[in-house]
Amino acid sequence: MNVFEELTQIQAEFQKDLKLALDLEQLDHLKIKYIGRSGVVTTLLRSISSVKKEDRPKFGSKANQLKSEISGLIAEKIDVFKNDTDLRKAENLDVTLPGRTPVIGSLHPTTQIVQEICDIFVSLGFSVIEGPEIEFDKYNFEMLNIPKGHPARDMWSTMWIENPNHSNTNSTLLRTHTSPMQARFMEATSPPIRIVVPGKCYRYEATDSTHEWHFYQIEGLVVDKGINFANLKGTLYEFAKRIFGNDRKVRFRCDYFPFVEPGVDMSISNFKDSEGKRPIKGRDEDWIEILGAGMVHPEVLKGVGYDPDIYTGFAFGMGPERISMLRDGIDDIRHFYSNDLRFLSQFV
């Protein structure tokens, strides 16, 4: 059998196969069989060097013509199948039924509360900055008045990063709080300073309904001449009212943080109303702590080159997920990282 007879036989076989193709999948197989990379027509075209020189132009023309014919017939039948499928779908469609509401995505609830808190402080004259999650011991502890060997380091269950370069004296870690940006920003900037620092933090501790090994924190810092504790109280009181409502009361109590002096924790009121109900669901106490704060320690100011006799400041830190838990009645911080659509859909 010569090559021209082969072309005729392939054409006849294709016509039979085309009639037997009953769906799009079979047509796809047919296309691969005849004109695919290893198809019979393609293989025959590659063997043109074995054809007599005088027959090559005629053979090449007929083979390419057959390839185009096969491609066109398959495309036509694909269109027929598609149109038929669309027609069947249209026949089964009841246009009087109400439409289905599409599922709409939204920002993650943690992102939403972080943005809301930052927007409040921006409206109060603060700027928003960010910093590295992998941090040096120098900024995470030492420049925050927590030198090596200080017992206050036990307050943070630190996740250290192994450093093969032993000549590097700056040990690295996953930051335990966003406070390192206090030192970093003051080191590179002259007062006045009014910043908030949102970001992710890490601690090597067991997880439960109120603790996660990774979580977000928002740090705040104000430094200028004449900053006092009344400025701290007024700023945080305004924040509490905007987040939890104008009728919210606040309370400050002494607390210890190495990088502030004096240090305080701030609580918001949760008194029962006339019907005996509390505004913060699931909490039965009169006062609920929401953040820690204090006046920037003079040693921290000295460490970045500021004169504490000229400049003073205050700092605060809060967990945005815990703020959301209190305000929105969420009973478990692990919901924020569980990827459960039943929980996430509440924040659309």
C-alpha atoms as a PDB file:
ATOM      1  CA  MET A   1       0.000   0.000   0.000  1.00  0.00           C
ATOM      2  CA  ASN A   2       1.440   3.351  -1.030  1.00  0.00           C
ATOM      3  CA  VAL A   3       1.139   6.573   0.964  1.00  0.00           C
ATOM      4  CA  PHE A   4      -1.783   7.895  -1.105  1.00  0.00           C
ATOM      5  CA  GLU A   5      -3.790   4.731  -0.464  1.00  0.00           C
ATOM      6  CA  GLU A   6      -2.964   5.128   3.256  1.00  0.00           C
ATOM      7  CA  LEU A   7      -4.441   8.634   3.212  1.00  0.00           C
ATOM      8  CA  THR A   8      -7.625   7.335   1.593  1.00  0.00           C
ATOM      9  CA  GLN A   9      -7.920   4.527   4.157  1.00  0.00           C
ATOM     10  CA  ILE A  10      -7.347   6.954   7.085  1.00  0.00           C
ATOM     11  CA  GLN A  11     -10.050   9.244   5.704  1.00  0.00           C
ATOM     12  CA  ALA A  12     -12.534   6.372   5.504  1.00  0.00           C
ATOM     13  CA  GLU A  13     -11.728   5.152   9.028  1.00  0.00           C
ATOM     14  CA  PHE A  14     -12.143   8.663  10.399  1.00  0.00           C
ATOM     15  CA  GLN A  15     -15.594   9.002   8.837  1.00  0.00           C
ATOM     16  CA  LYS A  16     -16.697   5.791  10.588  1.00  0.00           C
ATOM     17  CA  ASP A  17     -15.241   6.891  13.944  1.00  0.00           C
ATOM     18  CA  LEU A  18     -16.865  10.317  13.633  1.00  0.00           C
ATOM     19  CA  LYS A  19     -20.317   8.773  13.240  1.00  0.00           C
ATOM     20  CA  LEU A  20     -19.777   6.672  16.377  1.00  0.00           C
ATOM     21  CA  ALA A  21     -18.683   9.634  18.554  1.00  0.00           C
ATOM     22  CA  LEU A  22     -21.561  10.384  20.922  1.00  0.00           C
ATOM     23  CA  ASP A  23     -20.187  13.060  23.233  1.00  0.00           C
ATOM     24  CA  LEU A  24     -17.515  15.726  23.636  1.00  0.00           C
ATOM     25  CA  GLU A  25     -15.124  13.382  25.425  1.00  0.00           C
ATOM     26  CA  GLN A  26     -15.167  10.906  22.530  1.00  0.00           C
ATOM     27  CA  LEU A  27     -14.596  13.746  20.055  1.00  0.00           C
ATOM     28  CA  ASP A  28     -11.592  14.836  22.077  1.00  0.00           C
ATOM     29  CA  HIS A  29     -10.146  11.298  21.896  1.00  0.00           C
ATOM     30  CA  LEU A  30     -10.827  11.262  18.170  1.00  0.00           C
ATOM     31  CA  LYS A  31      -8.907  14.498  17.707  1.00  0.00           C
ATOM     32  CA  ILE A  32      -5.923  13.077  19.588  1.00  0.00           C
ATOM     33  CA  LYS A  33      -6.053   9.819  17.615  1.00  0.00           C
ATOM     34  CA  TYR A  34      -5.913  11.424  14.169  1.00  0.00           C
ATOM     35  CA  ILE A  35      -4.299  14.871  14.387  1.00  0.00           C
ATOM     36  CA  GLY A  36      -2.746  14.925  17.848  1.00  0.00           C
ATOM     37  CA  ARG A  37       1.003  15.095  18.418  1.00  0.00           C
ATOM     38  CA  SER A  38       1.248  11.324  17.867  1.00  0.00           C
ATOM     39  CA  GLY A  39      -1.867  10.980  15.689  1.00  0.00           C
ATOM     40  CA  VAL A  40      -1.945   8.851  12.567  1.00  0.00           C
ATOM     41  CA  VAL A  41      -2.064  11.798  10.134  1.00  0.00           C
ATOM     42  CA  THR A  42       0.670  13.656  12.006  1.00  0.00           C
ATOM     43  CA  THR A  43       2.865  10.521  12.019  1.00  0.00           C
ATOM     44  CA  LEU A  44       2.300  10.047   8.298  1.00  0.00           C
ATOM     45  CA  LEU A  45       3.326  13.660   7.583  1.00  0.00           C
ATOM     46  CA  ARG A  46       6.554  13.132   9.520  1.00  0.00           C
ATOM     47  CA  SER A  47       7.425  10.207   7.218  1.00  0.00           C
ATOM     48  CA  ILE A  48       7.453  12.446   4.111  1.00  0.00           C
ATOM     49  CA  SER A  49      11.197  11.916   3.730  1.00  0.00           C
ATOM     50  CA  SER A  50      10.508   8.287   2.751  1.00  0.00           C
ATOM     51  CA  VAL A  51       8.219   9.364  -0.121  1.00  0.00           C
ATOM     52  CA  LYS A  52       9.651   9.679  -3.625  1.00  0.00           C
ATOM     53  CA  LYS A  53      10.883  13.220  -4.341  1.00  0.00           C
ATOM     54  CA  GLU A  54       8.517  13.728  -7.242  1.00  0.00           C
ATOM     55  CA  ASP A  55       5.502  12.635  -5.105  1.00  0.00           C
ATOM     56  CA  ARG A  56       6.334  14.689  -2.001  1.00  0.00           C
ATOM     57  CA  PRO A  57       4.546  17.954  -3.008  1.00  0.00           C
ATOM     58  CA  LYS A  58       1.338  16.117  -3.924  1.00  0.00           C
ATOM     59  CA  PHE A  59       1.512  13.914  -0.805  1.00  0.00           C
ATOM     60  CA  GLY A  60       2.168  16.877   1.510  1.00  0.00           C
ATOM     61  CA  SER A  61      -0.730  18.815   0.018  1.00  0.00           C
ATOM     62  CA  LYS A  62      -3.196  15.901   0.368  1.00  0.00           C
ATOM     63  CA  ALA A  63      -2.043  15.037   3.903  1.00  0.00           C
ATOM     64  CA  ASN A  64      -2.410  18.635   5.093  1.00  0.00           C
ATOM     65  CA  GLN A  65      -5.783  18.863   3.359  1.00  0.00           C
ATOM     66  CA  LEU A  66      -6.923  15.711   5.216  1.00  0.00           C
ATOM     67  CA  LYS A  67      -5.652  17.127   8.517  1.00  0.00           C
ATOM     68  CA  SER A  68      -7.627  20.361   7.986  1.00  0.00           C
ATOM     69  CA  GLU A  69     -10.709  18.386   6.976  1.00  0.00           C
ATOM     70  CA  ILE A  70     -10.559  16.220  10.115  1.00  0.00           C
ATOM     71  CA  SER A  71     -10.059  19.288  12.328  1.00  0.00           C
ATOM     72  CA  GLY A  72     -12.998  21.100  10.716  1.00  0.00           C
ATOM     73  CA  LEU A  73     -15.403  18.135  10.947  1.00  0.00           C
ATOM     74  CA  ILE A  74     -14.547  17.570  14.623  1.00  0.00           C
ATOM     75  CA  ALA A  75     -15.059  21.293  15.376  1.00  0.00           C
ATOM     76  CA  GLU A  76     -18.454  21.242  13.649  1.00  0.00           C
ATOM     77  CA  LYS A  77     -19.629  18.253  15.651  1.00  0.00           C
ATOM     78  CA  ILE A  78     -18.348  19.823  18.894  1.00  0.00           C
ATOM     79  CA  ASP A  79     -20.514  22.885  18.152  1.00  0.00           C
ATOM     80  CA  VAL A  80     -23.505  20.643  17.500  1.00  0.00           C
ATOM     81  CA  PHE A  81     -23.045  18.851  20.843  1.00  0.00           C
ATOM     82  CA  LYS A  82     -22.566  22.110  22.732  1.00  0.00           C
ATOM     83  CA  ASN A  83     -25.624  23.731  21.197  1.00  0.00           C
ATOM     84  CA  ASP A  84     -27.664  20.639  21.927  1.00  0.00           C
ATOM     85  CA  THR A  85     -26.496  20.646  25.566  1.00  0.00           C
ATOM     86  CA  ASP A  86     -27.306  24.344  25.942  1.00  0.00           C
ATOM     87  CA  LEU A  87     -30.730  23.738  24.401  1.00  0.00           C
ATOM     88  CA  ARG A  88     -31.499  20.917  26.849  1.00  0.00           C
ATOM     89  CA  LYS A  89     -30.409  23.110  29.750  1.00  0.00           C
ATOM     90  CA  ALA A  90     -32.605  25.948  28.499  1.00  0.00           C
ATOM     91  CA  GLU A  91     -35.586  23.605  28.180  1.00  0.00           C
ATOM     92  CA  ASN A  92     -35.160  22.498  31.804  1.00  0.00           C
ATOM     93  CA  LEU A  93     -34.743  26.054  33.113  1.00  0.00           C
ATOM     94  CA  ASP A  94     -37.651  27.598  34.942  1.00  0.00           C
ATOM     95  CA  VAL A  95     -37.144  31.330  34.429  1.00  0.00           C
ATOM     96  CA  THR A  96     -39.839  32.120  37.000  1.00  0.00           C
ATOM     97  CA  LEU A  97     -37.728  30.746  39.888  1.00  0.00           C
ATOM     98  CA  PRO A  98     -35.953  33.341  42.070  1.00  0.00           C
ATOM     99  CA  GLY A  99     -32.247  33.748  41.418  1.00  0.00           C
ATOM    100  CA  ARG A 100     -29.598  32.277  43.711  1.00  0.00           C
ATOM    101  CA  THR A 101     -27.708  34.850  45.725  1.00  0.00           C
ATOM    102  CA  PRO A 102     -23.978  34.451  45.024  1.00  0.00           C
ATOM    103  CA  VAL A 103     -21.658  33.817  47.955  1.00  0.00           C
ATOM    104  CA  ILE A 104     -19.789  37.039  48.698  1.00  0.00           C
ATOM    105  CA  GLY A 105     -16.387  36.943  50.348  1.00  0.00           C
ATOM    106  CA  SER A 106     -15.088  39.474  52.825  1.00  0.00           C
ATOM    107  CA  LEU A 107     -12.012  40.409  54.812  1.00  0.00           C
ATOM    108  CA  HIS A 108     -11.007  38.019  57.582  1.00  0.00           C
ATOM    109  CA  PRO A 109     -12.509  39.020  60.975  1.00  0.00           C
ATOM    110  CA  THR A 110      -9.028  39.632  62.393  1.00  0.00           C
ATOM    111  CA  THR A 111      -8.219  41.935  59.483  1.00  0.00           C
ATOM    112  CA  GLN A 112     -11.515  43.757  60.011  1.00  0.00           C
ATOM    113  CA  ILE A 113     -10.921  44.470  63.720  1.00  0.00           C
ATOM    114  CA  VAL A 114      -7.267  45.431  63.119  1.00  0.00           C
ATOM    115  CA  GLN A 115      -8.340  47.935  60.461  1.00  0.00           C
ATOM    116  CA  GLU A 116     -11.115  49.298  62.660  1.00  0.00           C
ATOM    117  CA  ILE A 117      -8.771  49.850  65.614  1.00  0.00           C
ATOM    118  CA  CYS A 118      -6.106  51.437  63.414  1.00  0.00           C
ATOM    119  CA  ASP A 119      -8.692  53.740  61.810  1.00  0.00           C
ATOM    120  CA  ILE A 120      -9.714  54.984  65.266  1.00  0.00           C
ATOM    121  CA  PHE A 121      -6.143  55.901  66.155  1.00  0.00           C
ATOM    122  CA  VAL A 122      -5.493  57.437  62.721  1.00  0.00           C
ATOM    123  CA  SER A 123      -8.453  59.748  63.399  1.00  0.00           C
ATOM    124  CA  LEU A 124      -6.687  60.719  66.646  1.00  0.00           C
ATOM    125  CA  GLY A 125      -3.509  61.747  64.809  1.00  0.00           C
ATOM    126  CA  PHE A 126      -1.556  58.490  64.822  1.00  0.00           C
ATOM    127  CA  SER A 127       0.308  56.913  61.913  1.00  0.00           C
ATOM    128  CA  VAL A 128       0.263  53.179  61.155  1.00  0.00           C
ATOM    129  CA  ILE A 129       3.600  51.393  60.683  1.00  0.00           C
ATOM    130  CA  GLU A 130       4.651  47.753  60.494  1.00  0.00           C
ATOM    131  CA  GLY A 131       7.774  45.808  61.405  1.00  0.00           C
ATOM    132  CA  PRO A 132       9.466  42.413  60.930  1.00  0.00           C
ATOM    133  CA  GLU A 133       8.048  39.257  62.476  1.00  0.00           C
ATOM    134  CA  ILE A 134      11.536  37.736  62.718  1.00  0.00           C
ATOM    135  CA  GLU A 135      13.277  39.989  65.208  1.00  0.00           C
ATOM    136  CA  PHE A 136      16.600  40.456  66.984  1.00  0.00           C
ATOM    137  CA  ASP A 137      16.930  39.902  70.727  1.00  0.00           C
ATOM    138  CA  LYS A 138      18.303  43.453  70.807  1.00  0.00           C
ATOM    139  CA  TYR A 139      14.958  44.992  69.831  1.00  0.00           C
ATOM    140  CA  ASN A 140      12.585  42.390  71.259  1.00  0.00           C
ATOM    141  CA  PHE A 141      14.136  42.521  74.739  1.00  0.00           C
ATOM    142  CA  GLU A 142      17.359  44.441  75.368  1.00  0.00           C
ATOM    143  CA  MET A 143      16.305  47.881  74.125  1.00  0.00           C
ATOM    144  CA  LEU A 144      13.011  47.475  76.001  1.00  0.00           C
ATOM    145  CA  ASN A 145      14.790  47.384  79.352  1.00  0.00           C
ATOM    146  CA  ILE A 146      14.861  43.567  79.480  1.00  0.00           C
ATOM    147  CA  PRO A 147      18.571  42.608  79.442  1.00  0.00           C
ATOM    148  CA  LYS A 148      19.854  39.028  79.198  1.00  0.00           C
ATOM    149  CA  GLY A 149      19.146  37.096  82.380  1.00  0.00           C
ATOM    150  CA  HIS A 150      16.362  39.443  83.483  1.00  0.00           C
ATOM    151  CA  PRO A 151      13.525  37.459  85.130  1.00  0.00           C
ATOM    152  CA  ALA A 152      10.943  39.477  83.171  1.00  0.00           C
ATOM    153  CA  ARG A 153      11.907  37.440  80.085  1.00  0.00           C
ATOM    154  CA  ASP A 154       9.916  34.583  81.576  1.00  0.00           C
ATOM    155  CA  MET A 155       6.740  36.601  80.883  1.00  0.00           C
ATOM    156  CA  TRP A 156       7.171  35.801  77.175  1.00  0.00           C
ATOM    157  CA  SER A 157       7.446  32.167  76.059  1.00  0.00           C
ATOM    158  CA  THR A 158       9.895  32.912  73.275  1.00  0.00           C
ATOM    159  CA  MET A 159      10.369  30.906  70.080  1.00  0.00           C
ATOM    160  CA  TRP A 160      14.067  31.266  69.241  1.00  0.00           C
ATOM    161  CA  ILE A 161      15.530  30.721  65.783  1.00  0.00           C
ATOM    162  CA  GLU A 162      18.706  28.665  65.458  1.00  0.00           C
ATOM    163  CA  ASN A 163      21.497  30.721  63.926  1.00  0.00           C
ATOM    164  CA  PRO A 164      24.369  28.730  62.355  1.00  0.00           C
ATOM    165  CA  ASN A 165      26.476  31.905  62.205  1.00  0.00           C
ATOM    166  CA  HIS A 166      27.798  31.843  65.761  1.00  0.00           C
ATOM    167  CA  SER A 167      29.787  35.038  65.203  1.00  0.00           C
ATOM    168  CA  ASN A 168      26.524  36.972  65.049  1.00  0.00           C
ATOM    169  CA  THR A 169      25.836  38.245  68.549  1.00  0.00           C
ATOM    170  CA  ASN A 170      22.280  39.319  67.660  1.00  0.00           C
ATOM    171  CA  SER A 171      20.161  36.240  68.445  1.00  0.00           C
ATOM    172  CA  THR A 172      17.023  35.983  66.329  1.00  0.00           C
ATOM    173  CA  LEU A 173      13.516  34.977  67.347  1.00  0.00           C
ATOM    174  CA  LEU A 174       9.873  35.146  66.331  1.00  0.00           C
ATOM    175  CA  ARG A 175       8.787  38.375  67.961  1.00  0.00           C
ATOM    176  CA  THR A 176       6.772  37.891  71.131  1.00  0.00           C
ATOM    177  CA  HIS A 177       5.064  41.302  70.866  1.00  0.00           C
ATOM    178  CA  THR A 178       4.990  44.314  68.543  1.00  0.00           C
ATOM    179  CA  SER A 179       6.853  46.412  71.136  1.00  0.00           C
ATOM    180  CA  PRO A 180      10.235  46.054  69.320  1.00  0.00           C
ATOM    181  CA  MET A 181       8.957  48.689  66.895  1.00  0.00           C
ATOM    182  CA  GLN A 182       9.021  51.186  69.764  1.00  0.00           C
ATOM    183  CA  ALA A 183      12.809  50.930  69.855  1.00  0.00           C
ATOM    184  CA  ARG A 184      13.230  50.594  66.082  1.00  0.00           C
ATOM    185  CA  PHE A 185      11.097  53.638  65.287  1.00  0.00           C
ATOM    186  CA  MET A 186      12.528  55.874  68.024  1.00  0.00           C
ATOM    187  CA  GLU A 187      16.065  54.868  67.008  1.00  0.00           C
ATOM    188  CA  ALA A 188      15.430  56.127  63.462  1.00  0.00           C
ATOM    189  CA  THR A 189      13.069  59.071  64.183  1.00  0.00           C
ATOM    190  CA  SER A 190      13.081  62.269  66.186  1.00  0.00           C
ATOM    191  CA  PRO A 191      10.044  63.285  68.290  1.00  0.00           C
ATOM    192  CA  PRO A 192       7.174  64.009  68.102  1.00  0.00           C
ATOM    193  CA  ILE A 193       6.021  60.402  67.589  1.00  0.00           C
ATOM    194  CA  ARG A 194       2.456  59.085  67.397  1.00  0.00           C
ATOM    195  CA  ILE A 195       2.270  55.588  65.930  1.00  0.00           C
ATOM    196  CA  VAL A 196       0.313  52.344  66.148  1.00  0.00           C
ATOM    197  CA  VAL A 197       1.942  49.062  65.087  1.00  0.00           C
ATOM    198  CA  PRO A 198      -0.322  46.161  64.079  1.00  0.00           C
ATOM    199  CA  GLY A 199       1.252  42.785  63.477  1.00  0.00           C
ATOM    200  CA  LYS A 200       1.471  39.091  64.187  1.00  0.00           C
ATOM    201  CA  CYS A 201       3.260  37.744  67.281  1.00  0.00           C
ATOM    202  CA  TYR A 202       4.341  34.284  68.411  1.00  0.00           C
ATOM    203  CA  ARG A 203       4.683  32.593  71.789  1.00  0.00           C
ATOM    204  CA  TYR A 204       5.494  29.009  72.706  1.00  0.00           C
ATOM    205  CA  GLU A 205       2.489  28.286  74.882  1.00  0.00           C
ATOM    206  CA  ALA A 206      -0.489  25.946  75.020  1.00  0.00           C
ATOM    207  CA  THR A 207      -3.630  26.976  73.177  1.00  0.00           C
ATOM    208  CA  ASP A 208      -7.043  27.237  74.800  1.00  0.00           C
ATOM    209  CA  SER A 209     -10.167  29.359  74.463  1.00  0.00           C
ATOM    210  CA  THR A 210      -8.255  32.566  75.326  1.00  0.00           C
ATOM    211  CA  HIS A 211      -4.682  31.758  74.182  1.00  0.00           C
ATOM    212  CA  GLU A 212      -3.111  31.059  70.796  1.00  0.00           C
ATOM    213  CA  TRP A 213       0.537  30.398  69.938  1.00  0.00           C
ATOM    214  CA  HIS A 214       0.231  32.988  67.154  1.00  0.00           C
ATOM    215  CA  PHE A 215      -1.964  36.060  67.405  1.00  0.00           C
ATOM    216  CA  TYR A 216      -2.181  39.718  66.457  1.00  0.00           C
ATOM    217  CA  GLN A 217      -1.210  42.648  68.636  1.00  0.00           C
ATOM    218  CA  ILE A 218      -1.487  46.395  68.193  1.00  0.00           C
ATOM    219  CA  GLU A 219       1.163  48.504  69.866  1.00  0.00           C
ATOM    220  CA  GLY A 220       0.831  52.248  70.372  1.00  0.00           C
ATOM    221  CA  LEU A 221       3.517  54.824  71.129  1.00  0.00           C
ATOM    222  CA  VAL A 222       3.452  58.580  71.752  1.00  0.00           C
ATOM    223  CA  VAL A 223       6.606  60.578  72.540  1.00  0.00           C
ATOM    224  CA  ASP A 224       6.897  64.348  72.744  1.00  0.00           C
ATOM    225  CA  LYS A 225       7.642  67.141  75.165  1.00  0.00           C
ATOM    226  CA  GLY A 226       5.189  67.358  78.045  1.00  0.00           C
ATOM    227  CA  ILE A 227       3.397  64.028  77.505  1.00  0.00           C
ATOM    228  CA  ASN A 228       1.865  62.842  80.794  1.00  0.00           C
ATOM    229  CA  PHE A 229      -0.385  60.151  82.212  1.00  0.00           C
ATOM    230  CA  ALA A 230      -3.498  62.248  81.606  1.00  0.00           C
ATOM    231  CA  ASN A 231      -2.751  62.098  77.866  1.00  0.00           C
ATOM    232  CA  LEU A 232      -2.564  58.301  78.077  1.00  0.00           C
ATOM    233  CA  LYS A 233      -5.878  58.066  79.948  1.00  0.00           C
ATOM    234  CA  GLY A 234      -7.686  60.445  77.622  1.00  0.00           C
ATOM    235  CA  THR A 235      -6.472  58.685  74.472  1.00  0.00           C
ATOM    236  CA  LEU A 236      -7.382  55.189  75.642  1.00  0.00           C
ATOM    237  CA  TYR A 237     -10.723  56.314  77.087  1.00  0.00           C
ATOM    238  CA  GLU A 238     -11.657  57.760  73.691  1.00  0.00           C
ATOM    239  CA  PHE A 239     -10.639  54.485  72.036  1.00  0.00           C
ATOM    240  CA  ALA A 240     -12.772  52.440  74.473  1.00  0.00           C
ATOM    241  CA  LYS A 241     -15.833  54.608  73.816  1.00  0.00           C
ATOM    242  CA  ARG A 242     -15.517  54.265  70.043  1.00  0.00           C
ATOM    243  CA  ILE A 243     -15.132  50.480  70.190  1.00  0.00           C
ATOM    244  CA  PHE A 244     -17.550  49.592  73.009  1.00  0.00           C
ATOM    245  CA  GLY A 245     -19.958  52.560  73.105  1.00  0.00           C
ATOM    246  CA  ASN A 246     -20.173  56.037  74.630  1.00  0.00           C
ATOM    247  CA  ASP A 247     -21.562  54.807  77.943  1.00  0.00           C
ATOM    248  CA  ARG A 248     -18.470  52.711  78.646  1.00  0.00           C
ATOM    249  CA  LYS A 249     -16.450  53.511  81.783  1.00  0.00           C
ATOM    250  CA  VAL A 250     -12.758  52.686  82.167  1.00  0.00           C
ATOM    251  CA  ARG A 251     -10.559  51.761  85.091  1.00  0.00           C
ATOM    252  CA  PHE A 252      -6.762  51.830  85.424  1.00  0.00           C
ATOM    253  CA  ARG A 253      -4.865  49.641  87.891  1.00  0.00           C
ATOM    254  CA  CYS A 254      -1.136  49.285  88.541  1.00  0.00           C
ATOM    255  CA  ASP A 255       0.616  46.561  86.543  1.00  0.00           C
ATOM    256  CA  TYR A 256       4.194  45.697  85.617  1.00  0.00           C
ATOM    257  CA  PHE A 257       5.794  45.872  82.182  1.00  0.00           C
ATOM    258  CA  PRO A 258       9.588  46.323  82.043  1.00  0.00           C
ATOM    259  CA  PHE A 259       9.506  49.018  79.349  1.00  0.00           C
ATOM    260  CA  VAL A 260       7.052  51.375  81.078  1.00  0.00           C
ATOM    261  CA  GLU A 261       7.012  53.095  84.472  1.00  0.00           C
ATOM    262  CA  PRO A 262       4.444  53.379  85.861  1.00  0.00           C
ATOM    263  CA  GLY A 263       2.618  50.487  84.172  1.00  0.00           C
ATOM    264  CA  VAL A 264      -1.127  49.906  84.234  1.00  0.00           C
ATOM    265  CA  ASP A 265      -3.812  47.629  82.892  1.00  0.00           C
ATOM    266  CA  MET A 266      -6.992  49.196  81.574  1.00  0.00           C
ATOM    267  CA  SER A 267     -10.429  47.637  82.110  1.00  0.00           C
ATOM    268  CA  ILE A 268     -13.836  48.563  80.737  1.00  0.00           C
ATOM    269  CA  SER A 269     -17.097  48.508  82.695  1.00  0.00           C
ATOM    270  CA  ASN A 270     -19.559  45.649  82.360  1.00  0.00           C
ATOM    271  CA  PHE A 271     -22.239  46.648  84.859  1.00  0.00           C
ATOM    272  CA  LYS A 272     -25.698  45.068  84.788  1.00  0.00           C
ATOM    273  CA  ASP A 273     -28.495  47.163  83.334  1.00  0.00           C
ATOM    274  CA  SER A 274     -31.969  47.652  84.820  1.00  0.00           C
ATOM    275  CA  GLU A 275     -32.980  44.222  83.511  1.00  0.00           C
ATOM    276  CA  GLY A 276     -29.986  42.510  85.099  1.00  0.00           C
ATOM    277  CA  LYS A 277     -28.173  41.995  81.776  1.00  0.00           C
ATOM    278  CA  ARG A 278     -24.522  42.780  81.119  1.00  0.00           C
ATOM    279  CA  PRO A 279     -23.501  44.560  77.866  1.00  0.00           C
ATOM    280  CA  ILE A 280     -20.579  42.152  77.264  1.00  0.00           C
ATOM    281  CA  LYS A 281     -22.051  38.716  76.678  1.00  0.00           C
ATOM    282  CA  GLY A 282     -20.666  35.716  78.517  1.00  0.00           C
ATOM    283  CA  ARG A 283     -18.745  37.761  81.100  1.00  0.00           C
ATOM    284  CA  ASP A 284     -20.153  38.047  84.613  1.00  0.00           C
ATOM    285  CA  GLU A 285     -17.668  40.481  86.143  1.00  0.00           C
ATOM    286  CA  ASP A 286     -18.101  44.244  86.573  1.00  0.00           C
ATOM    287  CA  TRP A 287     -14.712  45.129  85.031  1.00  0.00           C
ATOM    288  CA  ILE A 288     -12.939  43.424  82.114  1.00  0.00           C
ATOM    289  CA  GLU A 289      -9.283  44.044  81.300  1.00  0.00           C
ATOM    290  CA  ILE A 290      -8.661  44.905  77.645  1.00  0.00           C
ATOM    291  CA  LEU A 291      -5.066  46.206  77.400  1.00  0.00           C
ATOM    292  CA  GLY A 292      -1.811  47.107  79.131  1.00  0.00           C
ATOM    293  CA  ALA A 293      -0.162  50.519  79.041  1.00  0.00           C
ATOM    294  CA  GLY A 294       2.157  52.924  80.838  1.00  0.00           C
ATOM    295  CA  MET A 295       4.617  55.785  80.585  1.00  0.00           C
ATOM    296  CA  VAL A 296       7.701  54.934  78.509  1.00  0.00           C
ATOM    297  CA  HIS A 297      10.543  53.961  80.849  1.00  0.00           C
ATOM    298  CA  PRO A 298      13.385  56.534  80.980  1.00  0.00           C
ATOM    299  CA  GLU A 299      15.914  53.749  80.270  1.00  0.00           C
ATOM    300  CA  VAL A 300      14.130  52.971  77.009  1.00  0.00           C
ATOM    301  CA  LEU A 301      14.291  56.646  76.015  1.00  0.00           C
ATOM    302  CA  LYS A 302      17.988  56.793  76.873  1.00  0.00           C
ATOM    303  CA  GLY A 303      18.646  53.639  74.847  1.00  0.00           C
ATOM    304  CA  VAL A 304      17.478  55.307  71.637  1.00  0.00           C
ATOM    305  CA  GLY A 305      19.279  58.577  72.297  1.00  0.00           C
ATOM    306  CA  TYR A 306      16.383  60.616  73.743  1.00  0.00           C
ATOM    307  CA  ASP A 307      16.858  62.817  76.800  1.00  0.00           C
ATOM    308  CA  PRO A 308      14.184  61.722  79.347  1.00  0.00           C
ATOM    309  CA  ASP A 309      14.454  65.145  80.992  1.00  0.00           C
ATOM    310  CA  ILE A 310      13.134  66.679  77.773  1.00  0.00           C
ATOM    311  CA  TYR A 311      10.924  63.977  76.266  1.00  0.00           C
ATOM    312  CA  THR A 312       8.294  61.736  77.814  1.00  0.00           C
ATOM    313  CA  GLY A 313       5.817  59.351  76.293  1.00  0.00           C
ATOM    314  CA  PHE A 314       3.294  56.608  76.782  1.00  0.00           C
ATOM    315  CA  ALA A 315       2.826  53.180  75.206  1.00  0.00           C
ATOM    316  CA  PHE A 316       0.039  50.622  75.103  1.00  0.00           C
ATOM    317  CA  GLY A 317      -0.583  47.187  73.664  1.00  0.00           C
ATOM    318  CA  MET A 318      -3.722  45.181  72.983  1.00  0.00           C
ATOM    319  CA  GLY A 319      -4.864  41.967  71.317  1.00  0.00           C
ATOM    320  CA  PRO A 320      -7.360  42.859  68.550  1.00  0.00           C
ATOM    321  CA  GLU A 321      -8.838  39.343  68.536  1.00  0.00           C
ATOM    322  CA  ARG A 322      -9.638  39.689  72.260  1.00  0.00           C
ATOM    323  CA  ILE A 323     -11.228  43.081  71.616  1.00  0.00           C
ATOM    324  CA  SER A 324     -13.411  41.437  68.957  1.00  0.00           C
ATOM    325  CA  MET A 325     -14.238  38.537  71.282  1.00  0.00           C
ATOM    326  CA  LEU A 326     -15.555  40.925  73.939  1.00  0.00           C
ATOM    327  CA  ARG A 327     -17.487  43.185  71.607  1.00  0.00           C
ATOM    328  CA  ASP A 328     -18.896  40.525  69.272  1.00  0.00           C
ATOM    329  CA  GLY A 329     -19.602  37.757  71.813  1.00  0.00           C
ATOM    330  CA  ILE A 330     -16.988  35.260  70.543  1.00  0.00           C
ATOM    331  CA  ASP A 331     -16.203  32.593  73.134  1.00  0.00           C
ATOM    332  CA  ASP A 332     -13.021  31.026  71.700  1.00  0.00           C
ATOM    333  CA  ILE A 333      -9.996  32.741  70.132  1.00  0.00           C
ATOM    334  CA  ARG A 334      -9.250  29.581  68.146  1.00  0.00           C
ATOM    335  CA  HIS A 335     -12.265  30.328  65.927  1.00  0.00           C
ATOM    336  CA  PHE A 336     -10.214  33.063  64.248  1.00  0.00           C
ATOM    337  CA  TYR A 337      -7.775  30.481  62.850  1.00  0.00           C
ATOM    338  CA  SER A 338     -10.035  27.449  62.336  1.00  0.00           C
ATOM    339  CA  ASN A 339     -11.170  28.422  58.791  1.00  0.00           C
ATOM    340  CA  ASP A 340     -14.712  27.397  59.726  1.00  0.00           C
ATOM    341  CA  LEU A 341     -17.073  29.045  57.228  1.00  0.00           C
ATOM    342  CA  ARG A 342     -19.892  28.998  59.774  1.00  0.00           C
ATOM    343  CA  PHE A 343     -17.836  31.393  61.904  1.00  0.00           C
ATOM    344  CA  LEU A 344     -16.332  33.460  59.078  1.00  0.00           C
ATOM    345  CA  SER A 345     -19.727  34.009  57.405  1.00  0.00           C
ATOM    346  CA  GLN A 346     -20.852  36.020  60.459  1.00  0.00           C
ATOM    347  CA  PHE A 347     -18.440  38.801  59.431  1.00  0.00           C
ATOM    348  CA  VAL A 348     -19.478  39.174  55.780  1.00  0.00           C
END
